[in-house]
mmCIF file of all heavy atoms, coordinates in Angstrom:
data_MODEL
# 
_entry.id   MODEL 
# 
loop_
_atom_site.group_PDB 
_atom_site.id 
_atom_site.type_symbol 
_atom_site.label_atom_id 
_atom_site.label_alt_id 
_atom_site.label_comp_id 
_atom_site.label_asym_id 
_atom_site.label_entity_id 
_atom_site.label_seq_id 
_atom_site.pdbx_PDB_ins_code 
_atom_site.Cartn_x 
_atom_site.Cartn_y 
_atom_site.Cartn_z 
_atom_site.occupancy 
_atom_site.B_iso_or_equiv 
_atom_site.pdbx_formal_charge 
_atom_site.auth_seq_id 
_atom_site.auth_comp_id 
_atom_site.auth_asym_id 
_atom_site.auth_atom_id 
_atom_site.pdbx_PDB_model_num 
ATOM 1   N N   . ALA A 1 1  ? 0.825   -1.221  0.024  1.00 0.00 ? 1  ALA A N   1 
ATOM 2   C CA  . ALA A 1 1  ? 0.026   0.005   -0.039 1.00 0.00 ? 1  ALA A CA  1 
ATOM 3   C C   . ALA A 1 1  ? 0.887   1.254   -0.025 1.00 0.00 ? 1  ALA A C   1 
ATOM 4   O O   . ALA A 1 1  ? 0.523   2.291   -0.726 1.00 0.00 ? 1  ALA A O   1 
ATOM 5   C CB  . ALA A 1 1  ? -0.965  0.010   1.179  1.00 0.00 ? 1  ALA A CB  1 
ATOM 6   N N   . ALA A 1 2  ? 1.981   1.191   0.798  1.00 0.00 ? 2  ALA A N   1 
ATOM 7   C CA  . ALA A 1 2  ? 2.833   2.404   0.798  1.00 0.00 ? 2  ALA A CA  1 
ATOM 8   C C   . ALA A 1 2  ? 3.513   2.622   -0.622 1.00 0.00 ? 2  ALA A C   1 
ATOM 9   O O   . ALA A 1 2  ? 3.693   3.821   -0.971 1.00 0.00 ? 2  ALA A O   1 
ATOM 10  C CB  . ALA A 1 2  ? 3.866   2.203   1.843  1.00 0.00 ? 2  ALA A CB  1 
ATOM 11  N N   . MET A 1 3  ? 3.809   1.570   -1.285 1.00 0.00 ? 3  MET A N   1 
ATOM 12  C CA  . MET A 1 3  ? 4.420   1.776   -2.616 1.00 0.00 ? 3  MET A CA  1 
ATOM 13  C C   . MET A 1 3  ? 3.409   2.253   -3.578 1.00 0.00 ? 3  MET A C   1 
ATOM 14  O O   . MET A 1 3  ? 3.649   3.115   -4.436 1.00 0.00 ? 3  MET A O   1 
ATOM 15  C CB  . MET A 1 3  ? 4.921   0.373   -3.120 1.00 0.00 ? 3  MET A CB  1 
ATOM 16  C CG  . MET A 1 3  ? 6.222   -0.099  -2.373 1.00 0.00 ? 3  MET A CG  1 
ATOM 17  S SD  . MET A 1 3  ? 7.637   0.934   -2.832 1.00 0.00 ? 3  MET A SD  1 
ATOM 18  C CE  . MET A 1 3  ? 7.878   0.550   -4.457 1.00 0.00 ? 3  MET A CE  1 
ATOM 19  N N   . TYR A 1 4  ? 2.182   1.778   -3.427 1.00 0.00 ? 4  TYR A N   1 
ATOM 20  C CA  . TYR A 1 4  ? 1.121   2.276   -4.372 1.00 0.00 ? 4  TYR A CA  1 
ATOM 21  C C   . TYR A 1 4  ? 0.770   3.760   -4.041 1.00 0.00 ? 4  TYR A C   1 
ATOM 22  O O   . TYR A 1 4  ? 0.625   4.639   -4.962 1.00 0.00 ? 4  TYR A O   1 
ATOM 23  C CB  . TYR A 1 4  ? -0.064  1.432   -4.271 1.00 0.00 ? 4  TYR A CB  1 
ATOM 24  C CG  . TYR A 1 4  ? -1.341  2.019   -5.069 1.00 0.00 ? 4  TYR A CG  1 
ATOM 25  C CD1 . TYR A 1 4  ? -1.404  1.854   -6.456 1.00 0.00 ? 4  TYR A CD1 1 
ATOM 26  C CD2 . TYR A 1 4  ? -2.293  2.803   -4.434 1.00 0.00 ? 4  TYR A CD2 1 
ATOM 27  C CE1 . TYR A 1 4  ? -2.375  2.380   -7.204 1.00 0.00 ? 4  TYR A CE1 1 
ATOM 28  C CE2 . TYR A 1 4  ? -3.325  3.310   -5.127 1.00 0.00 ? 4  TYR A CE2 1 
ATOM 29  C CZ  . TYR A 1 4  ? -3.392  3.151   -6.546 1.00 0.00 ? 4  TYR A CZ  1 
ATOM 30  O OH  . TYR A 1 4  ? -4.380  3.712   -7.224 1.00 0.00 ? 4  TYR A OH  1 
ATOM 31  N N   . GLY A 1 5  ? 0.575   4.010   -2.727 1.00 0.00 ? 5  GLY A N   1 
ATOM 32  C CA  . GLY A 1 5  ? 0.082   5.358   -2.354 1.00 0.00 ? 5  GLY A CA  1 
ATOM 33  C C   . GLY A 1 5  ? 1.108   6.503   -2.453 1.00 0.00 ? 5  GLY A C   1 
ATOM 34  O O   . GLY A 1 5  ? 0.693   7.630   -2.609 1.00 0.00 ? 5  GLY A O   1 
ATOM 35  N N   . GLY A 1 6  ? 2.351   6.143   -2.237 1.00 0.00 ? 6  GLY A N   1 
ATOM 36  C CA  . GLY A 1 6  ? 3.360   7.215   -2.117 1.00 0.00 ? 6  GLY A CA  1 
ATOM 37  C C   . GLY A 1 6  ? 3.364   8.204   -3.295 1.00 0.00 ? 6  GLY A C   1 
ATOM 38  O O   . GLY A 1 6  ? 3.335   9.375   -3.076 1.00 0.00 ? 6  GLY A O   1 
ATOM 39  N N   . PRO A 1 7  ? 3.401   7.733   -4.617 1.00 0.00 ? 7  PRO A N   1 
ATOM 40  C CA  . PRO A 1 7  ? 3.407   8.711   -5.674 1.00 0.00 ? 7  PRO A CA  1 
ATOM 41  C C   . PRO A 1 7  ? 2.086   9.514   -5.735 1.00 0.00 ? 7  PRO A C   1 
ATOM 42  O O   . PRO A 1 7  ? 2.083   10.553  -6.396 1.00 0.00 ? 7  PRO A O   1 
ATOM 43  C CB  . PRO A 1 7  ? 3.537   7.749   -6.917 1.00 0.00 ? 7  PRO A CB  1 
ATOM 44  C CG  . PRO A 1 7  ? 4.120   6.469   -6.489 1.00 0.00 ? 7  PRO A CG  1 
ATOM 45  C CD  . PRO A 1 7  ? 3.600   6.312   -5.010 1.00 0.00 ? 7  PRO A CD  1 
ATOM 46  N N   . LEU A 1 8  ? 1.063   9.062   -5.130 1.00 0.00 ? 8  LEU A N   1 
ATOM 47  C CA  . LEU A 1 8  ? -0.191  9.818   -5.075 1.00 0.00 ? 8  LEU A CA  1 
ATOM 48  C C   . LEU A 1 8  ? -0.320  10.729  -3.910 1.00 0.00 ? 8  LEU A C   1 
ATOM 49  O O   . LEU A 1 8  ? -1.382  11.385  -3.752 1.00 0.00 ? 8  LEU A O   1 
ATOM 50  C CB  . LEU A 1 8  ? -1.422  8.806   -5.092 1.00 0.00 ? 8  LEU A CB  1 
ATOM 51  C CG  . LEU A 1 8  ? -1.415  7.758   -6.190 1.00 0.00 ? 8  LEU A CG  1 
ATOM 52  C CD1 . LEU A 1 8  ? -2.520  6.790   -5.954 1.00 0.00 ? 8  LEU A CD1 1 
ATOM 53  C CD2 . LEU A 1 8  ? -1.568  8.437   -7.509 1.00 0.00 ? 8  LEU A CD2 1 
ATOM 54  N N   . GLY A 1 9  ? 0.702   10.771  -3.072 1.00 0.00 ? 9  GLY A N   1 
ATOM 55  C CA  . GLY A 1 9  ? 0.654   11.545  -1.873 1.00 0.00 ? 9  GLY A CA  1 
ATOM 56  C C   . GLY A 1 9  ? -0.094  10.971  -0.704 1.00 0.00 ? 9  GLY A C   1 
ATOM 57  O O   . GLY A 1 9  ? -0.539  11.660  0.195  1.00 0.00 ? 9  GLY A O   1 
ATOM 58  N N   . ILE A 1 10 ? -0.362  9.652   -0.819 1.00 0.00 ? 10 ILE A N   1 
ATOM 59  C CA  . ILE A 1 10 ? -1.034  8.962   0.282  1.00 0.00 ? 10 ILE A CA  1 
ATOM 60  C C   . ILE A 1 10 ? 0.033   8.174   1.070  1.00 0.00 ? 10 ILE A C   1 
ATOM 61  O O   . ILE A 1 10 ? 0.634   7.297   0.535  1.00 0.00 ? 10 ILE A O   1 
ATOM 62  C CB  . ILE A 1 10 ? -2.074  7.972   -0.303 1.00 0.00 ? 10 ILE A CB  1 
ATOM 63  C CG1 . ILE A 1 10 ? -3.097  8.738   -1.174 1.00 0.00 ? 10 ILE A CG1 1 
ATOM 64  C CG2 . ILE A 1 10 ? -2.796  7.205   0.820  1.00 0.00 ? 10 ILE A CG2 1 
ATOM 65  C CD1 . ILE A 1 10 ? -3.975  7.836   -2.018 1.00 0.00 ? 10 ILE A CD1 1 
ATOM 66  N N   . ARG A 1 11 ? 0.174   8.571   2.247  1.00 0.00 ? 11 ARG A N   1 
ATOM 67  C CA  . ARG A 1 11 ? 1.132   7.877   3.202  1.00 0.00 ? 11 ARG A CA  1 
ATOM 68  C C   . ARG A 1 11 ? 0.473   6.786   3.975  1.00 0.00 ? 11 ARG A C   1 
ATOM 69  O O   . ARG A 1 11 ? -0.602  6.932   4.579  1.00 0.00 ? 11 ARG A O   1 
ATOM 70  C CB  . ARG A 1 11 ? 1.802   8.892   4.109  1.00 0.00 ? 11 ARG A CB  1 
ATOM 71  C CG  . ARG A 1 11 ? 2.583   9.992   3.487  1.00 0.00 ? 11 ARG A CG  1 
ATOM 72  C CD  . ARG A 1 11 ? 3.284   10.858  4.454  1.00 0.00 ? 11 ARG A CD  1 
ATOM 73  N NE  . ARG A 1 11 ? 2.359   11.520  5.362  1.00 0.00 ? 11 ARG A NE  1 
ATOM 74  C CZ  . ARG A 1 11 ? 2.227   11.089  6.612  1.00 0.00 ? 11 ARG A CZ  1 
ATOM 75  N NH1 . ARG A 1 11 ? 2.911   10.102  7.157  1.00 0.00 ? 11 ARG A NH1 1 
ATOM 76  N NH2 . ARG A 1 11 ? 1.365   11.734  7.463  1.00 0.00 ? 11 ARG A NH2 1 
ATOM 77  N N   . VAL A 1 12 ? 1.159   5.594   3.965  1.00 0.00 ? 12 VAL A N   1 
ATOM 78  C CA  . VAL A 1 12 ? 0.658   4.433   4.682  1.00 0.00 ? 12 VAL A CA  1 
ATOM 79  C C   . VAL A 1 12 ? 1.822   4.011   5.657  1.00 0.00 ? 12 VAL A C   1 
ATOM 80  O O   . VAL A 1 12 ? 2.867   3.700   5.179  1.00 0.00 ? 12 VAL A O   1 
ATOM 81  C CB  . VAL A 1 12 ? 0.214   3.327   3.819  1.00 0.00 ? 12 VAL A CB  1 
ATOM 82  C CG1 . VAL A 1 12 ? -0.406  2.092   4.643  1.00 0.00 ? 12 VAL A CG1 1 
ATOM 83  C CG2 . VAL A 1 12 ? -0.806  3.772   2.804  1.00 0.00 ? 12 VAL A CG2 1 
ATOM 84  N N   . ASN A 1 13 ? 1.551   3.951   6.985  1.00 0.00 ? 13 ASN A N   1 
ATOM 85  C CA  . ASN A 1 13 ? 2.475   3.554   7.943  1.00 0.00 ? 13 ASN A CA  1 
ATOM 86  C C   . ASN A 1 13 ? 1.768   2.611   8.876  1.00 0.00 ? 13 ASN A C   1 
ATOM 87  O O   . ASN A 1 13 ? 0.577   2.423   8.869  1.00 0.00 ? 13 ASN A O   1 
ATOM 88  C CB  . ASN A 1 13 ? 3.075   4.756   8.655  1.00 0.00 ? 13 ASN A CB  1 
ATOM 89  C CG  . ASN A 1 13 ? 3.931   5.597   7.768  1.00 0.00 ? 13 ASN A CG  1 
ATOM 90  O OD1 . ASN A 1 13 ? 5.078   5.207   7.428  1.00 0.00 ? 13 ASN A OD1 1 
ATOM 91  N ND2 . ASN A 1 13 ? 3.485   6.767   7.369  1.00 0.00 ? 13 ASN A ND2 1 
ATOM 92  N N   . ALA A 1 14 ? 2.502   2.025   9.845  1.00 0.00 ? 14 ALA A N   1 
ATOM 93  C CA  . ALA A 1 14 ? 1.939   1.161   10.850 1.00 0.00 ? 14 ALA A CA  1 
ATOM 94  C C   . ALA A 1 14 ? 2.544   1.401   12.192 1.00 0.00 ? 14 ALA A C   1 
ATOM 95  O O   . ALA A 1 14 ? 3.703   1.837   12.327 1.00 0.00 ? 14 ALA A O   1 
ATOM 96  C CB  . ALA A 1 14 ? 2.087   -0.288  10.485 1.00 0.00 ? 14 ALA A CB  1 
ATOM 97  N N   . VAL A 1 15 ? 1.763   1.178   13.204 1.00 0.00 ? 15 VAL A N   1 
ATOM 98  C CA  . VAL A 1 15 ? 2.227   1.197   14.637 1.00 0.00 ? 15 VAL A CA  1 
ATOM 99  C C   . VAL A 1 15 ? 2.221   -0.204  15.105 1.00 0.00 ? 15 VAL A C   1 
ATOM 100 O O   . VAL A 1 15 ? 1.323   -1.021  14.780 1.00 0.00 ? 15 VAL A O   1 
ATOM 101 C CB  . VAL A 1 15 ? 1.309   2.040   15.483 1.00 0.00 ? 15 VAL A CB  1 
ATOM 102 C CG1 . VAL A 1 15 ? -0.104  1.564   15.563 1.00 0.00 ? 15 VAL A CG1 1 
ATOM 103 C CG2 . VAL A 1 15 ? 1.876   2.191   16.887 1.00 0.00 ? 15 VAL A CG2 1 
ATOM 104 N N   . ALA A 1 16 ? 3.305   -0.585  15.827 1.00 0.00 ? 16 ALA A N   1 
ATOM 105 C CA  . ALA A 1 16 ? 3.462   -2.008  16.241 1.00 0.00 ? 16 ALA A CA  1 
ATOM 106 C C   . ALA A 1 16 ? 3.500   -1.943  17.843 1.00 0.00 ? 16 ALA A C   1 
ATOM 107 O O   . ALA A 1 16 ? 4.602   -1.841  18.445 1.00 0.00 ? 16 ALA A O   1 
ATOM 108 C CB  . ALA A 1 16 ? 4.677   -2.649  15.716 1.00 0.00 ? 16 ALA A CB  1 
ATOM 109 N N   . PRO A 1 17 ? 2.308   -2.081  18.447 1.00 0.00 ? 17 PRO A N   1 
ATOM 110 C CA  . PRO A 1 17 ? 2.304   -2.037  19.946 1.00 0.00 ? 17 PRO A CA  1 
ATOM 111 C C   . PRO A 1 17 ? 3.050   -3.303  20.587 1.00 0.00 ? 17 PRO A C   1 
ATOM 112 O O   . PRO A 1 17 ? 2.927   -4.367  19.913 1.00 0.00 ? 17 PRO A O   1 
ATOM 113 C CB  . PRO A 1 17 ? 0.777   -2.005  20.314 1.00 0.00 ? 17 PRO A CB  1 
ATOM 114 C CG  . PRO A 1 17 ? 0.135   -1.516  18.960 1.00 0.00 ? 17 PRO A CG  1 
ATOM 115 C CD  . PRO A 1 17 ? 0.977   -2.098  17.912 1.00 0.00 ? 17 PRO A CD  1 
ATOM 116 N N   . GLY A 1 18 ? 3.582   -3.093  21.707 1.00 0.00 ? 18 GLY A N   1 
ATOM 117 C CA  . GLY A 1 18 ? 3.996   -4.308  22.468 1.00 0.00 ? 18 GLY A CA  1 
ATOM 118 C C   . GLY A 1 18 ? 2.829   -4.651  23.433 1.00 0.00 ? 18 GLY A C   1 
ATOM 119 O O   . GLY A 1 18 ? 1.709   -4.707  23.037 1.00 0.00 ? 18 GLY A O   1 
ATOM 120 N N   . ILE A 1 19 ? 3.199   -4.978  24.678 1.00 0.00 ? 19 ILE A N   1 
ATOM 121 C CA  . ILE A 1 19 ? 2.214   -5.353  25.670 1.00 0.00 ? 19 ILE A CA  1 
ATOM 122 C C   . ILE A 1 19 ? 1.382   -4.210  26.106 1.00 0.00 ? 19 ILE A C   1 
ATOM 123 O O   . ILE A 1 19 ? 1.947   -3.325  26.804 1.00 0.00 ? 19 ILE A O   1 
ATOM 124 C CB  . ILE A 1 19 ? 2.838   -6.133  26.772 1.00 0.00 ? 19 ILE A CB  1 
ATOM 125 C CG1 . ILE A 1 19 ? 3.334   -7.505  26.222 1.00 0.00 ? 19 ILE A CG1 1 
ATOM 126 C CG2 . ILE A 1 19 ? 1.791   -6.434  27.877 1.00 0.00 ? 19 ILE A CG2 1 
ATOM 127 C CD1 . ILE A 1 19 ? 4.062   -8.337  27.323 1.00 0.00 ? 19 ILE A CD1 1 
ATOM 128 N N   . VAL A 1 20 ? 0.100   -4.104  25.824 1.00 0.00 ? 20 VAL A N   1 
ATOM 129 C CA  . VAL A 1 20 ? -0.709  -3.053  26.235 1.00 0.00 ? 20 VAL A CA  1 
ATOM 130 C C   . VAL A 1 20 ? -2.033  -3.682  26.790 1.00 0.00 ? 20 VAL A C   1 
ATOM 131 O O   . VAL A 1 20 ? -2.760  -4.218  25.984 1.00 0.00 ? 20 VAL A O   1 
ATOM 132 C CB  . VAL A 1 20 ? -1.077  -2.104  25.107 1.00 0.00 ? 20 VAL A CB  1 
ATOM 133 C CG1 . VAL A 1 20 ? -2.010  -1.003  25.598 1.00 0.00 ? 20 VAL A CG1 1 
ATOM 134 C CG2 . VAL A 1 20 ? 0.216   -1.522  24.512 1.00 0.00 ? 20 VAL A CG2 1 
ATOM 135 N N   . PRO A 1 21 ? -2.188  -3.832  28.085 1.00 0.00 ? 21 PRO A N   1 
ATOM 136 C CA  . PRO A 1 21 ? -3.401  -4.505  28.608 1.00 0.00 ? 21 PRO A CA  1 
ATOM 137 C C   . PRO A 1 21 ? -4.675  -3.876  28.195 1.00 0.00 ? 21 PRO A C   1 
ATOM 138 O O   . PRO A 1 21 ? -4.929  -2.740  28.409 1.00 0.00 ? 21 PRO A O   1 
ATOM 139 C CB  . PRO A 1 21 ? -3.156  -4.410  30.156 1.00 0.00 ? 21 PRO A CB  1 
ATOM 140 C CG  . PRO A 1 21 ? -1.669  -4.172  30.276 1.00 0.00 ? 21 PRO A CG  1 
ATOM 141 C CD  . PRO A 1 21 ? -1.253  -3.387  29.154 1.00 0.00 ? 21 PRO A CD  1 
ATOM 142 N N   . THR A 1 22 ? -5.444  -4.629  27.428 1.00 0.00 ? 22 THR A N   1 
ATOM 143 C CA  . THR A 1 22 ? -6.785  -4.200  27.058 1.00 0.00 ? 22 THR A CA  1 
ATOM 144 C C   . THR A 1 22 ? -7.705  -5.493  27.090 1.00 0.00 ? 22 THR A C   1 
ATOM 145 O O   . THR A 1 22 ? -7.207  -6.564  27.297 1.00 0.00 ? 22 THR A O   1 
ATOM 146 C CB  . THR A 1 22 ? -6.877  -3.636  25.580 1.00 0.00 ? 22 THR A CB  1 
ATOM 147 O OG1 . THR A 1 22 ? -6.586  -4.749  24.715 1.00 0.00 ? 22 THR A OG1 1 
ATOM 148 C CG2 . THR A 1 22 ? -5.909  -2.506  25.382 1.00 0.00 ? 22 THR A CG2 1 
ATOM 149 N N   . THR A 1 23 ? -8.998  -5.283  26.966 1.00 0.00 ? 23 THR A N   1 
ATOM 150 C CA  . THR A 1 23 ? -9.899  -6.394  27.046 1.00 0.00 ? 23 THR A CA  1 
ATOM 151 C C   . THR A 1 23 ? -9.702  -7.404  25.852 1.00 0.00 ? 23 THR A C   1 
ATOM 152 O O   . THR A 1 23 ? -10.096 -8.520  25.952 1.00 0.00 ? 23 THR A O   1 
ATOM 153 C CB  . THR A 1 23 ? -11.283 -5.961  27.069 1.00 0.00 ? 23 THR A CB  1 
ATOM 154 O OG1 . THR A 1 23 ? -11.581 -5.106  25.862 1.00 0.00 ? 23 THR A OG1 1 
ATOM 155 C CG2 . THR A 1 23 ? -11.686 -5.107  28.308 1.00 0.00 ? 23 THR A CG2 1 
ATOM 156 N N   . LEU A 1 24 ? -9.046  -6.959  24.825 1.00 0.00 ? 24 LEU A N   1 
ATOM 157 C CA  . LEU A 1 24 ? -8.751  -7.834  23.669 1.00 0.00 ? 24 LEU A CA  1 
ATOM 158 C C   . LEU A 1 24 ? -8.083  -9.076  24.054 1.00 0.00 ? 24 LEU A C   1 
ATOM 159 O O   . LEU A 1 24 ? -8.447  -10.185 23.700 1.00 0.00 ? 24 LEU A O   1 
ATOM 160 C CB  . LEU A 1 24 ? -7.984  -7.124  22.624 1.00 0.00 ? 24 LEU A CB  1 
ATOM 161 C CG  . LEU A 1 24 ? -7.688  -7.798  21.282 1.00 0.00 ? 24 LEU A CG  1 
ATOM 162 C CD1 . LEU A 1 24 ? -8.928  -8.027  20.495 1.00 0.00 ? 24 LEU A CD1 1 
ATOM 163 C CD2 . LEU A 1 24 ? -6.570  -7.096  20.461 1.00 0.00 ? 24 LEU A CD2 1 
ATOM 164 N N   . PHE A 1 25 ? -6.974  -8.936  24.834 1.00 0.00 ? 25 PHE A N   1 
ATOM 165 C CA  . PHE A 1 25 ? -6.179  -10.134 25.199 1.00 0.00 ? 25 PHE A CA  1 
ATOM 166 C C   . PHE A 1 25 ? -6.682  -10.759 26.470 1.00 0.00 ? 25 PHE A C   1 
ATOM 167 O O   . PHE A 1 25 ? -6.452  -11.993 26.726 1.00 0.00 ? 25 PHE A O   1 
ATOM 168 C CB  . PHE A 1 25 ? -4.723  -9.811  25.199 1.00 0.00 ? 25 PHE A CB  1 
ATOM 169 C CG  . PHE A 1 25 ? -4.137  -9.759  23.840 1.00 0.00 ? 25 PHE A CG  1 
ATOM 170 C CD1 . PHE A 1 25 ? -3.973  -8.508  23.180 1.00 0.00 ? 25 PHE A CD1 1 
ATOM 171 C CD2 . PHE A 1 25 ? -3.758  -10.790 23.121 1.00 0.00 ? 25 PHE A CD2 1 
ATOM 172 C CE1 . PHE A 1 25 ? -3.446  -8.410  21.901 1.00 0.00 ? 25 PHE A CE1 1 
ATOM 173 C CE2 . PHE A 1 25 ? -3.268  -10.815 21.854 1.00 0.00 ? 25 PHE A CE2 1 
ATOM 174 C CZ  . PHE A 1 25 ? -3.151  -9.591  21.200 1.00 0.00 ? 25 PHE A CZ  1 
ATOM 175 N N   . SER A 1 26 ? -7.220  -10.090 27.384 1.00 0.00 ? 26 SER A N   1 
ATOM 176 C CA  . SER A 1 26 ? -7.674  -10.648 28.604 1.00 0.00 ? 26 SER A CA  1 
ATOM 177 C C   . SER A 1 26 ? -8.852  -11.583 28.269 1.00 0.00 ? 26 SER A C   1 
ATOM 178 O O   . SER A 1 26 ? -8.967  -12.630 28.840 1.00 0.00 ? 26 SER A O   1 
ATOM 179 C CB  . SER A 1 26 ? -8.183  -9.560  29.617 1.00 0.00 ? 26 SER A CB  1 
ATOM 180 O OG  . SER A 1 26 ? -9.257  -8.748  29.015 1.00 0.00 ? 26 SER A OG  1 
# 
């Protein structure tokens, strides 16, 4: 997506969380 979007001015990035207690994993 970043390769496709870059020339169009569309930036695609990602955040990679570590251990963050939420109800998702509990």
